[in-house]
């Protein structure tokens, strides 16, 4: 099987959950990290998303590294912040996880659009994904910045070529199938502690 830009992420996703179904912090963050090279292929259009994703991964990683045993499971960071009532702070790990998950929702939706709508331009695919995922959480400024960035989206056929041409499609499908449930689990957990609806400050 040819390796594509998705291969490292797909390999990592297999490691994210324990047999009991608990989400492990480091493998989840590593899987998200492996998506960064994919975001790179978008060029300037995704610079904002990339820095946002990278920043949130770093925030969560720093917390994890401060006590790898205590924060072995992803949601333990959130639970610790819920107990100390710091979860809603803009620099909290809860906020980091929430926005990381939302950014990944956007990317998942974008790749789904690219697979399902062969006739859409890249900016159409991006705009549709943005409308379905991040838009309702963004204020006016973030929203306008995003809209402008989408105009820099690369040509669709060139982008697919850079990702690996037709060979990459089955990897994208696998990514959507395996990664989407992890994001859904994050939302479900955040909703269970009343923190899935935080808006951008």
N, C-alpha and C. Protein backbone atom coordinates (compact mmCIF):
# COMPACT_ATOMS: atom_id res chain seq x y z
N UNK A 1 0.84 -1.21 0.00
CA UNK A 1 0.00 0.00 0.00
C UNK A 1 0.87 1.25 0.00
N UNK A 2 0.58 2.15 -0.92
CA UNK A 2 1.38 3.38 -0.99
C UNK A 2 1.09 4.24 0.25
N UNK A 3 2.13 4.86 0.76
CA UNK A 3 1.88 5.77 1.88
C UNK A 3 1.50 7.13 1.32
N UNK A 4 0.58 7.78 2.00
CA UNK A 4 0.16 9.12 1.60
C UNK A 4 0.38 10.03 2.80
N UNK A 5 0.03 11.29 2.60
CA UNK A 5 0.19 12.26 3.67
C UNK A 5 -0.69 11.88 4.89
N UNK A 6 -1.69 11.04 4.64
CA UNK A 6 -2.59 10.62 5.73
C UNK A 6 -2.08 9.42 6.52
N UNK A 7 -1.14 8.68 5.94
CA UNK A 7 -0.71 7.42 6.55
C UNK A 7 -0.30 7.53 8.02
N UNK A 8 0.58 8.50 8.38
CA UNK A 8 0.98 8.59 9.79
C UNK A 8 -0.22 8.83 10.73
N UNK A 9 -1.14 9.68 10.29
CA UNK A 9 -2.33 9.95 11.12
C UNK A 9 -3.18 8.69 11.27
N UNK A 10 -3.36 7.97 10.17
CA UNK A 10 -4.18 6.74 10.22
C UNK A 10 -3.56 5.70 11.15
N UNK A 11 -2.25 5.59 11.10
CA UNK A 11 -1.56 4.64 11.99
C UNK A 11 -1.77 5.04 13.45
N UNK A 12 -1.65 6.34 13.69
CA UNK A 12 -1.76 6.85 15.05
C UNK A 12 -3.17 6.72 15.62
N UNK A 13 -4.16 6.94 14.77
CA UNK A 13 -5.56 6.89 15.21
C UNK A 13 -5.89 5.53 15.84
N UNK A 14 -5.24 4.47 15.31
CA UNK A 14 -5.48 3.12 15.85
C UNK A 14 -5.08 3.02 17.31
N UNK A 15 -4.16 3.89 17.74
CA UNK A 15 -3.62 3.80 19.11
C UNK A 15 -4.37 4.67 20.12
N UNK A 16 -5.33 5.46 19.63
CA UNK A 16 -5.92 6.51 20.48
C UNK A 16 -6.75 5.96 21.64
N UNK A 17 -7.46 4.86 21.41
CA UNK A 17 -8.34 4.36 22.47
C UNK A 17 -7.82 3.09 23.11
N UNK A 18 -8.10 2.98 24.40
CA UNK A 18 -7.75 1.74 25.10
C UNK A 18 -8.79 0.69 24.72
N UNK A 19 -8.54 -0.54 25.12
CA UNK A 19 -9.49 -1.63 24.85
C UNK A 19 -10.85 -1.29 25.46
N UNK A 20 -10.80 -0.58 26.60
CA UNK A 20 -12.07 -0.22 27.28
C UNK A 20 -12.76 0.97 26.61
N UNK A 21 -12.08 1.58 25.65
CA UNK A 21 -12.70 2.71 24.94
C UNK A 21 -12.34 4.08 25.49
N UNK A 22 -11.35 4.14 26.40
CA UNK A 22 -10.93 5.43 26.92
C UNK A 22 -9.97 6.11 25.96
N UNK A 23 -10.08 7.41 25.88
CA UNK A 23 -9.23 8.18 24.97
C UNK A 23 -7.91 8.52 25.65
N UNK A 24 -6.80 8.15 25.01
CA UNK A 24 -5.48 8.43 25.57
C UNK A 24 -4.96 9.77 25.06
N UNK A 25 -4.41 10.55 25.96
CA UNK A 25 -4.00 11.92 25.62
C UNK A 25 -2.95 11.97 24.52
N UNK A 26 -1.81 11.31 24.76
CA UNK A 26 -0.69 11.46 23.83
C UNK A 26 -1.02 10.94 22.42
N UNK A 27 -1.57 9.73 22.28
CA UNK A 27 -1.91 9.26 20.93
C UNK A 27 -2.91 10.17 20.21
N UNK A 28 -3.88 10.73 20.97
CA UNK A 28 -4.85 11.63 20.32
C UNK A 28 -4.14 12.88 19.81
N UNK A 29 -3.29 13.46 20.65
CA UNK A 29 -2.57 14.68 20.24
C UNK A 29 -1.61 14.38 19.09
N UNK A 30 -0.98 13.21 19.14
CA UNK A 30 -0.07 12.83 18.06
C UNK A 30 -0.84 12.65 16.74
N UNK A 31 -2.03 12.07 16.84
CA UNK A 31 -2.85 11.90 15.62
C UNK A 31 -3.18 13.28 15.03
N UNK A 32 -3.54 14.23 15.90
CA UNK A 32 -3.85 15.59 15.43
C UNK A 32 -2.60 16.24 14.82
N UNK A 33 -1.46 15.98 15.44
CA UNK A 33 -0.19 16.53 14.93
C UNK A 33 0.10 16.02 13.52
N UNK A 34 -0.24 14.77 13.29
CA UNK A 34 0.00 14.19 11.97
C UNK A 34 -0.92 14.79 10.90
N UNK A 35 -1.94 15.52 11.34
CA UNK A 35 -2.83 16.18 10.37
C UNK A 35 -2.20 17.51 9.91
N UNK A 36 -1.28 18.05 10.72
CA UNK A 36 -0.69 19.34 10.38
C UNK A 36 -0.02 19.36 8.99
N UNK A 37 0.74 18.31 8.62
CA UNK A 37 1.32 18.32 7.26
C UNK A 37 0.25 18.34 6.17
N UNK A 38 -0.93 17.77 6.48
CA UNK A 38 -2.02 17.80 5.51
C UNK A 38 -2.51 19.25 5.38
N UNK A 39 -2.64 19.94 6.53
CA UNK A 39 -3.08 21.33 6.50
C UNK A 39 -2.07 22.19 5.72
N UNK A 40 -0.79 21.85 5.87
CA UNK A 40 0.26 22.58 5.16
C UNK A 40 0.04 22.63 3.66
N UNK A 41 -0.52 21.54 3.14
CA UNK A 41 -0.71 21.44 1.69
C UNK A 41 -1.71 22.47 1.17
N UNK A 42 -2.48 23.06 2.07
CA UNK A 42 -3.43 24.09 1.65
C UNK A 42 -2.74 25.43 1.43
N UNK A 43 -1.52 25.56 1.96
CA UNK A 43 -0.82 26.83 1.84
C UNK A 43 -1.44 27.92 2.70
N UNK A 44 -1.41 29.16 2.19
CA UNK A 44 -1.80 30.34 2.98
C UNK A 44 -3.25 30.28 3.49
N UNK A 45 -4.12 29.61 2.75
CA UNK A 45 -5.54 29.59 3.12
C UNK A 45 -5.75 29.02 4.52
N UNK A 46 -4.87 28.10 4.92
CA UNK A 46 -5.07 27.42 6.19
C UNK A 46 -4.07 27.82 7.27
N UNK A 47 -3.33 28.89 7.01
CA UNK A 47 -2.31 29.30 7.98
C UNK A 47 -2.93 29.55 9.35
N UNK A 48 -4.11 30.16 9.34
CA UNK A 48 -4.82 30.47 10.58
C UNK A 48 -5.22 29.20 11.32
N UNK A 49 -5.79 28.26 10.57
CA UNK A 49 -6.21 26.99 11.17
C UNK A 49 -4.99 26.25 11.73
N UNK A 50 -3.91 26.27 10.95
CA UNK A 50 -2.72 25.54 11.38
C UNK A 50 -2.16 26.10 12.68
N UNK A 51 -2.08 27.43 12.78
CA UNK A 51 -1.50 28.00 14.00
C UNK A 51 -2.42 27.76 15.19
N UNK A 52 -3.73 27.78 14.92
CA UNK A 52 -4.72 27.52 15.97
C UNK A 52 -4.60 26.07 16.48
N UNK A 53 -4.56 25.15 15.54
CA UNK A 53 -4.44 23.73 15.88
C UNK A 53 -3.13 23.47 16.61
N UNK A 54 -2.05 24.00 16.05
CA UNK A 54 -0.73 23.81 16.66
C UNK A 54 -0.67 24.35 18.08
N UNK A 55 -1.26 25.54 18.27
CA UNK A 55 -1.26 26.16 19.60
C UNK A 55 -2.03 25.33 20.61
N UNK A 56 -3.18 24.80 20.19
CA UNK A 56 -4.00 23.99 21.11
C UNK A 56 -3.34 22.66 21.43
N UNK A 57 -2.68 22.07 20.44
CA UNK A 57 -1.96 20.82 20.69
C UNK A 57 -0.86 21.08 21.72
N UNK A 58 -0.11 22.17 21.52
CA UNK A 58 0.99 22.50 22.44
C UNK A 58 0.47 22.72 23.86
N UNK A 59 -0.64 23.43 23.97
CA UNK A 59 -1.22 23.70 25.31
C UNK A 59 -1.55 22.40 26.03
N UNK A 60 -2.20 21.49 25.30
CA UNK A 60 -2.60 20.21 25.90
C UNK A 60 -1.38 19.33 26.18
N UNK A 61 -0.40 19.41 25.29
CA UNK A 61 0.81 18.61 25.48
C UNK A 61 1.59 19.06 26.71
N UNK A 62 1.67 20.37 26.89
CA UNK A 62 2.38 20.90 28.06
C UNK A 62 1.73 20.41 29.35
N UNK A 63 0.41 20.40 29.35
CA UNK A 63 -0.33 19.93 30.53
C UNK A 63 -0.05 18.44 30.74
N UNK A 64 -0.11 17.69 29.66
CA UNK A 64 0.15 16.25 29.74
C UNK A 64 1.56 15.99 30.28
N UNK A 65 2.54 16.71 29.73
CA UNK A 65 3.94 16.51 30.13
C UNK A 65 4.19 16.90 31.59
N UNK A 66 3.33 17.77 32.12
CA UNK A 66 3.51 18.19 33.52
C UNK A 66 3.25 17.02 34.48
N UNK A 67 2.46 16.04 34.03
CA UNK A 67 2.17 14.87 34.87
C UNK A 67 1.55 13.76 34.01
N UNK A 68 2.41 13.06 33.24
CA UNK A 68 1.90 12.08 32.27
C UNK A 68 1.02 10.99 32.89
N UNK A 69 1.27 10.63 34.15
CA UNK A 69 0.42 9.61 34.77
C UNK A 69 -0.96 10.16 35.06
N UNK A 70 -0.98 11.35 35.63
CA UNK A 70 -2.26 11.97 36.01
C UNK A 70 -3.11 12.28 34.77
N UNK A 71 -2.42 12.69 33.69
CA UNK A 71 -3.16 13.12 32.50
C UNK A 71 -3.05 12.13 31.34
N UNK A 72 -2.90 10.86 31.70
CA UNK A 72 -2.79 9.81 30.68
C UNK A 72 -4.04 9.78 29.79
N UNK A 73 -5.19 10.00 30.43
CA UNK A 73 -6.44 10.01 29.67
C UNK A 73 -6.84 11.44 29.34
N UNK A 74 -7.28 11.63 28.11
CA UNK A 74 -7.56 12.96 27.59
C UNK A 74 -8.51 13.77 28.47
N UNK A 75 -9.56 13.12 28.94
CA UNK A 75 -10.58 13.90 29.65
C UNK A 75 -10.20 14.23 31.09
N UNK A 76 -9.11 13.62 31.57
CA UNK A 76 -8.71 13.91 32.96
C UNK A 76 -8.30 15.38 33.11
N UNK A 77 -7.76 15.97 32.04
CA UNK A 77 -7.40 17.40 32.10
C UNK A 77 -8.63 18.25 32.29
N UNK A 78 -9.67 17.91 31.55
CA UNK A 78 -10.93 18.67 31.64
C UNK A 78 -11.54 18.49 33.03
N UNK A 79 -11.56 17.24 33.49
CA UNK A 79 -12.15 16.98 34.81
C UNK A 79 -11.43 17.76 35.90
N UNK A 80 -10.10 17.83 35.80
CA UNK A 80 -9.32 18.58 36.79
C UNK A 80 -9.72 20.06 36.76
N UNK A 81 -9.93 20.59 35.56
CA UNK A 81 -10.30 22.02 35.44
C UNK A 81 -11.74 22.26 35.87
N UNK A 82 -12.61 21.29 35.61
CA UNK A 82 -14.00 21.43 36.05
C UNK A 82 -14.03 21.51 37.58
N UNK A 83 -13.22 20.65 38.23
CA UNK A 83 -13.18 20.64 39.70
C UNK A 83 -12.64 21.96 40.27
N UNK A 84 -11.65 22.55 39.57
CA UNK A 84 -11.07 23.80 40.09
C UNK A 84 -11.78 25.03 39.51
N UNK A 85 -12.85 24.78 38.74
CA UNK A 85 -13.64 25.84 38.12
C UNK A 85 -12.81 26.76 37.20
N UNK A 86 -11.82 26.17 36.52
CA UNK A 86 -11.00 26.96 35.60
C UNK A 86 -11.25 26.55 34.14
N UNK A 87 -12.21 25.64 33.94
CA UNK A 87 -12.43 25.06 32.61
C UNK A 87 -12.84 26.10 31.57
N UNK A 88 -13.53 27.16 32.00
CA UNK A 88 -14.06 28.11 31.01
C UNK A 88 -13.06 29.20 30.64
N UNK A 89 -11.91 29.21 31.29
CA UNK A 89 -10.90 30.23 30.98
C UNK A 89 -10.39 30.08 29.56
N UNK A 90 -10.04 31.22 28.94
CA UNK A 90 -9.64 31.14 27.52
C UNK A 90 -8.33 30.38 27.34
N UNK A 91 -7.53 30.28 28.40
CA UNK A 91 -6.26 29.54 28.23
C UNK A 91 -6.32 28.15 28.86
N UNK A 92 -7.54 27.69 29.17
CA UNK A 92 -7.68 26.36 29.80
C UNK A 92 -7.46 25.25 28.78
N UNK A 93 -7.13 24.08 29.30
CA UNK A 93 -6.99 22.91 28.42
C UNK A 93 -8.34 22.49 27.87
N UNK A 94 -9.38 22.74 28.64
CA UNK A 94 -10.74 22.42 28.17
C UNK A 94 -11.02 23.21 26.90
N UNK A 95 -10.71 24.49 26.96
CA UNK A 95 -10.89 25.36 25.79
C UNK A 95 -10.01 24.89 24.63
N UNK A 96 -8.79 24.47 24.98
CA UNK A 96 -7.86 23.96 23.96
C UNK A 96 -8.42 22.73 23.27
N UNK A 97 -8.96 21.80 24.06
CA UNK A 97 -9.52 20.57 23.51
C UNK A 97 -10.75 20.87 22.66
N UNK A 98 -11.58 21.78 23.15
CA UNK A 98 -12.81 22.14 22.44
C UNK A 98 -12.48 22.72 21.06
N UNK A 99 -11.56 23.67 21.02
CA UNK A 99 -11.22 24.31 19.73
C UNK A 99 -10.41 23.40 18.83
N UNK A 100 -9.61 22.54 19.42
CA UNK A 100 -8.88 21.56 18.61
C UNK A 100 -9.89 20.62 17.94
N UNK A 101 -10.86 20.17 18.71
CA UNK A 101 -11.89 19.28 18.18
C UNK A 101 -12.70 19.98 17.08
N UNK A 102 -13.04 21.25 17.31
CA UNK A 102 -13.81 22.00 16.30
C UNK A 102 -13.01 22.19 15.02
N UNK A 103 -11.72 22.49 15.16
CA UNK A 103 -10.89 22.67 13.96
C UNK A 103 -10.81 21.36 13.19
N UNK A 104 -10.71 20.25 13.92
CA UNK A 104 -10.67 18.94 13.27
C UNK A 104 -12.03 18.61 12.63
N UNK A 105 -13.13 19.04 13.27
CA UNK A 105 -14.47 18.87 12.67
C UNK A 105 -14.49 19.54 11.30
N UNK A 106 -13.94 20.74 11.26
CA UNK A 106 -13.91 21.50 10.01
C UNK A 106 -13.13 20.74 8.93
N UNK A 107 -11.97 20.21 9.31
CA UNK A 107 -11.14 19.50 8.33
C UNK A 107 -11.81 18.21 7.86
N UNK A 108 -12.43 17.51 8.80
CA UNK A 108 -13.14 16.27 8.44
C UNK A 108 -14.25 16.58 7.44
N UNK A 109 -15.00 17.64 7.73
CA UNK A 109 -16.11 18.05 6.86
C UNK A 109 -15.57 18.47 5.48
N UNK A 110 -14.44 19.15 5.49
CA UNK A 110 -13.83 19.60 4.24
C UNK A 110 -13.43 18.40 3.38
N UNK A 111 -12.79 17.41 3.99
CA UNK A 111 -12.38 16.24 3.22
C UNK A 111 -13.59 15.43 2.76
N UNK A 112 -14.64 15.46 3.58
CA UNK A 112 -15.87 14.77 3.16
C UNK A 112 -16.43 15.47 1.91
N UNK A 113 -16.43 16.80 1.93
CA UNK A 113 -16.92 17.55 0.76
C UNK A 113 -16.09 17.24 -0.48
N UNK A 114 -14.78 17.14 -0.30
CA UNK A 114 -13.91 16.88 -1.46
C UNK A 114 -14.18 15.50 -2.05
N UNK A 115 -14.55 14.56 -1.20
CA UNK A 115 -14.85 13.21 -1.70
C UNK A 115 -16.24 13.17 -2.35
N UNK A 116 -17.20 13.85 -1.70
CA UNK A 116 -18.60 13.68 -2.13
C UNK A 116 -19.04 14.65 -3.22
N UNK A 117 -18.33 15.77 -3.35
CA UNK A 117 -18.75 16.78 -4.34
C UNK A 117 -17.62 17.05 -5.32
N UNK A 118 -17.51 16.17 -6.28
CA UNK A 118 -16.39 16.25 -7.24
C UNK A 118 -16.44 17.53 -8.05
N UNK A 119 -17.62 18.14 -8.16
CA UNK A 119 -17.75 19.34 -9.01
C UNK A 119 -17.51 20.64 -8.24
N UNK A 120 -17.31 20.56 -6.91
CA UNK A 120 -17.14 21.79 -6.14
C UNK A 120 -15.71 22.31 -6.26
N UNK A 121 -15.58 23.63 -6.28
CA UNK A 121 -14.24 24.21 -6.21
C UNK A 121 -13.75 24.10 -4.78
N UNK A 122 -12.46 24.30 -4.60
CA UNK A 122 -11.89 24.21 -3.26
C UNK A 122 -12.51 25.24 -2.32
N UNK A 123 -12.68 26.48 -2.80
CA UNK A 123 -13.22 27.49 -1.89
C UNK A 123 -14.68 27.19 -1.54
N UNK A 124 -15.41 26.59 -2.48
CA UNK A 124 -16.79 26.17 -2.19
C UNK A 124 -16.80 25.09 -1.11
N UNK A 125 -15.91 24.12 -1.25
CA UNK A 125 -15.81 23.03 -0.26
C UNK A 125 -15.43 23.58 1.12
N UNK A 126 -14.49 24.53 1.13
CA UNK A 126 -14.05 25.14 2.39
C UNK A 126 -15.17 25.94 3.04
N UNK A 127 -15.84 26.77 2.22
CA UNK A 127 -16.89 27.64 2.76
C UNK A 127 -18.04 26.82 3.33
N UNK A 128 -18.41 25.77 2.63
CA UNK A 128 -19.49 24.90 3.10
C UNK A 128 -19.10 24.25 4.44
N UNK A 129 -17.88 23.75 4.52
CA UNK A 129 -17.41 23.10 5.75
C UNK A 129 -17.38 24.08 6.90
N UNK A 130 -16.91 25.28 6.59
CA UNK A 130 -16.83 26.32 7.63
C UNK A 130 -18.22 26.65 8.16
N UNK A 131 -19.17 26.77 7.23
CA UNK A 131 -20.55 27.08 7.63
C UNK A 131 -21.15 26.00 8.53
N UNK A 132 -20.76 24.74 8.27
CA UNK A 132 -21.33 23.63 9.05
C UNK A 132 -20.64 23.44 10.40
N UNK A 133 -19.42 23.96 10.54
CA UNK A 133 -18.66 23.64 11.75
C UNK A 133 -18.28 24.88 12.57
N UNK A 134 -17.31 25.62 12.12
CA UNK A 134 -16.73 26.68 12.97
C UNK A 134 -17.53 27.97 13.01
N UNK A 135 -18.27 28.24 11.95
CA UNK A 135 -18.87 29.57 11.81
C UNK A 135 -19.70 30.02 13.01
N UNK A 136 -20.53 29.11 13.51
CA UNK A 136 -21.43 29.55 14.60
C UNK A 136 -20.69 29.85 15.90
N UNK A 137 -19.44 29.40 15.99
CA UNK A 137 -18.67 29.64 17.22
C UNK A 137 -17.77 30.86 17.10
N UNK A 138 -17.62 31.36 15.89
CA UNK A 138 -16.72 32.48 15.66
C UNK A 138 -17.43 33.82 15.76
N UNK A 139 -16.72 34.80 16.27
CA UNK A 139 -17.24 36.16 16.25
C UNK A 139 -17.06 36.74 14.86
N UNK A 140 -17.47 37.98 14.69
CA UNK A 140 -17.44 38.62 13.37
C UNK A 140 -16.01 38.68 12.82
N UNK A 141 -15.07 39.06 13.66
CA UNK A 141 -13.69 39.24 13.21
C UNK A 141 -13.09 37.92 12.69
N UNK A 142 -13.21 36.88 13.51
CA UNK A 142 -12.66 35.57 13.11
C UNK A 142 -13.34 35.10 11.83
N UNK A 143 -14.63 35.35 11.76
CA UNK A 143 -15.40 34.92 10.60
C UNK A 143 -14.94 35.63 9.33
N UNK A 144 -14.72 36.94 9.43
CA UNK A 144 -14.28 37.70 8.24
C UNK A 144 -12.88 37.27 7.82
N UNK A 145 -12.01 37.08 8.82
CA UNK A 145 -10.64 36.65 8.53
C UNK A 145 -10.67 35.33 7.78
N UNK A 146 -11.54 34.44 8.24
CA UNK A 146 -11.64 33.12 7.64
C UNK A 146 -12.13 33.21 6.20
N UNK A 147 -13.14 34.05 6.00
CA UNK A 147 -13.72 34.20 4.67
C UNK A 147 -12.67 34.69 3.68
N UNK A 148 -11.85 35.65 4.12
CA UNK A 148 -10.78 36.17 3.27
C UNK A 148 -9.76 35.06 2.97
N UNK A 149 -9.39 34.31 4.03
CA UNK A 149 -8.40 33.23 3.87
C UNK A 149 -8.87 32.19 2.85
N UNK A 150 -10.17 31.90 2.86
CA UNK A 150 -10.71 30.87 1.96
C UNK A 150 -10.51 31.23 0.49
N UNK A 151 -10.42 32.54 0.23
CA UNK A 151 -10.21 32.98 -1.15
C UNK A 151 -8.80 32.59 -1.64
N UNK A 152 -7.93 32.27 -0.68
CA UNK A 152 -6.57 31.86 -1.05
C UNK A 152 -6.47 30.34 -1.23
N UNK A 153 -7.58 29.67 -1.12
CA UNK A 153 -7.57 28.20 -1.23
C UNK A 153 -6.96 27.77 -2.56
N UNK A 154 -6.15 26.71 -2.53
CA UNK A 154 -5.50 26.27 -3.77
C UNK A 154 -6.50 25.66 -4.75
N UNK A 155 -6.06 25.52 -5.97
CA UNK A 155 -6.87 24.86 -6.98
C UNK A 155 -7.12 23.42 -6.55
N UNK A 156 -8.34 22.99 -6.67
CA UNK A 156 -8.74 21.68 -6.16
C UNK A 156 -7.94 20.52 -6.77
N UNK A 157 -7.83 20.50 -8.11
CA UNK A 157 -7.15 19.35 -8.71
C UNK A 157 -5.67 19.33 -8.35
N UNK A 158 -5.07 20.54 -8.26
CA UNK A 158 -3.66 20.60 -7.85
C UNK A 158 -3.51 20.10 -6.42
N UNK A 159 -4.46 20.50 -5.58
CA UNK A 159 -4.40 20.10 -4.17
C UNK A 159 -4.49 18.58 -4.03
N UNK A 160 -5.44 17.98 -4.74
CA UNK A 160 -5.61 16.52 -4.66
C UNK A 160 -4.35 15.82 -5.19
N UNK A 161 -3.75 16.42 -6.20
CA UNK A 161 -2.52 15.87 -6.78
C UNK A 161 -1.39 15.89 -5.74
N UNK A 162 -1.28 17.01 -5.05
CA UNK A 162 -0.25 17.18 -4.01
C UNK A 162 -0.46 16.16 -2.89
N UNK A 163 -1.72 15.89 -2.57
CA UNK A 163 -2.02 14.92 -1.51
C UNK A 163 -1.70 13.49 -1.93
N UNK A 164 -1.70 13.25 -3.23
CA UNK A 164 -1.41 11.88 -3.68
C UNK A 164 -2.34 11.40 -4.76
N UNK A 165 -3.06 12.33 -5.41
CA UNK A 165 -3.94 11.95 -6.52
C UNK A 165 -5.07 11.02 -6.08
N UNK A 166 -5.50 10.16 -6.99
CA UNK A 166 -6.63 9.28 -6.71
C UNK A 166 -6.33 8.28 -5.59
N UNK A 167 -5.06 7.94 -5.46
CA UNK A 167 -4.66 6.95 -4.45
C UNK A 167 -5.03 7.42 -3.03
N UNK A 168 -5.13 8.73 -2.85
CA UNK A 168 -5.36 9.25 -1.51
C UNK A 168 -6.83 9.12 -1.08
N UNK A 169 -7.71 8.89 -2.04
CA UNK A 169 -9.14 8.90 -1.72
C UNK A 169 -9.51 7.83 -0.68
N UNK A 170 -8.95 6.64 -0.82
CA UNK A 170 -9.31 5.60 0.15
C UNK A 170 -8.76 5.94 1.53
N UNK A 171 -7.60 6.63 1.57
CA UNK A 171 -7.06 7.08 2.86
C UNK A 171 -7.95 8.14 3.48
N UNK A 172 -8.47 9.04 2.65
CA UNK A 172 -9.37 10.07 3.17
C UNK A 172 -10.62 9.39 3.75
N UNK A 173 -11.14 8.41 3.01
CA UNK A 173 -12.33 7.69 3.50
C UNK A 173 -12.05 7.03 4.85
N UNK A 174 -10.89 6.41 4.93
CA UNK A 174 -10.52 5.74 6.18
C UNK A 174 -10.36 6.75 7.32
N UNK A 175 -9.79 7.88 6.98
CA UNK A 175 -9.61 8.95 7.97
C UNK A 175 -10.97 9.42 8.49
N UNK A 176 -11.91 9.64 7.57
CA UNK A 176 -13.25 10.09 7.96
C UNK A 176 -13.93 9.04 8.85
N UNK A 177 -13.77 7.78 8.48
CA UNK A 177 -14.42 6.69 9.22
C UNK A 177 -13.84 6.51 10.62
N UNK A 178 -12.51 6.65 10.73
CA UNK A 178 -11.89 6.34 12.02
C UNK A 178 -11.75 7.56 12.93
N UNK A 179 -11.61 8.74 12.33
CA UNK A 179 -11.35 9.93 13.15
C UNK A 179 -12.64 10.61 13.62
N UNK A 180 -13.67 10.58 12.78
CA UNK A 180 -14.94 11.24 13.13
C UNK A 180 -15.50 10.75 14.47
N UNK A 181 -15.52 9.42 14.75
CA UNK A 181 -16.07 8.97 16.04
C UNK A 181 -15.28 9.51 17.24
N UNK A 182 -13.98 9.74 17.07
CA UNK A 182 -13.18 10.29 18.17
C UNK A 182 -13.63 11.72 18.48
N UNK A 183 -13.87 12.47 17.42
CA UNK A 183 -14.32 13.86 17.60
C UNK A 183 -15.71 13.88 18.24
N UNK A 184 -16.56 12.96 17.78
CA UNK A 184 -17.92 12.89 18.36
C UNK A 184 -17.84 12.55 19.85
N UNK A 185 -16.91 11.67 20.19
CA UNK A 185 -16.74 11.30 21.60
C UNK A 185 -16.29 12.51 22.43
N UNK A 186 -15.39 13.32 21.85
CA UNK A 186 -14.96 14.54 22.54
C UNK A 186 -16.14 15.46 22.80
N UNK A 187 -16.96 15.67 21.77
CA UNK A 187 -18.12 16.56 21.93
C UNK A 187 -19.09 16.03 22.99
N UNK A 188 -19.28 14.72 22.94
CA UNK A 188 -20.20 14.10 23.88
C UNK A 188 -19.71 14.30 25.32
N UNK A 189 -18.41 14.10 25.50
CA UNK A 189 -17.85 14.28 26.83
C UNK A 189 -17.95 15.74 27.26
N UNK A 190 -17.55 16.66 26.39
CA UNK A 190 -17.59 18.09 26.73
C UNK A 190 -19.03 18.53 27.02
N UNK A 191 -19.98 17.98 26.26
CA UNK A 191 -21.39 18.30 26.51
C UNK A 191 -21.83 17.77 27.88
N UNK A 192 -21.29 16.62 28.27
CA UNK A 192 -21.69 16.01 29.56
C UNK A 192 -21.25 16.87 30.74
N UNK A 193 -20.21 17.70 30.54
CA UNK A 193 -19.81 18.61 31.62
C UNK A 193 -20.22 20.05 31.32
N UNK A 194 -21.12 20.18 30.31
CA UNK A 194 -21.68 21.49 29.99
C UNK A 194 -20.71 22.45 29.32
N UNK A 195 -19.73 21.91 28.61
CA UNK A 195 -18.69 22.80 28.05
C UNK A 195 -18.52 22.68 26.54
N UNK A 196 -19.55 22.19 25.86
CA UNK A 196 -19.41 22.01 24.41
C UNK A 196 -19.91 23.24 23.64
N UNK A 197 -20.45 24.22 24.38
CA UNK A 197 -21.08 25.35 23.70
C UNK A 197 -20.32 26.66 23.85
N UNK A 198 -19.09 26.60 24.37
CA UNK A 198 -18.33 27.84 24.59
C UNK A 198 -18.05 28.51 23.26
N UNK A 199 -18.22 29.85 23.23
CA UNK A 199 -17.94 30.58 22.01
C UNK A 199 -16.57 31.22 22.07
N UNK A 200 -16.13 31.74 20.94
CA UNK A 200 -14.82 32.41 20.92
C UNK A 200 -14.91 33.66 21.77
N UNK A 201 -13.85 33.91 22.55
CA UNK A 201 -13.90 35.09 23.41
C UNK A 201 -13.59 36.32 22.58
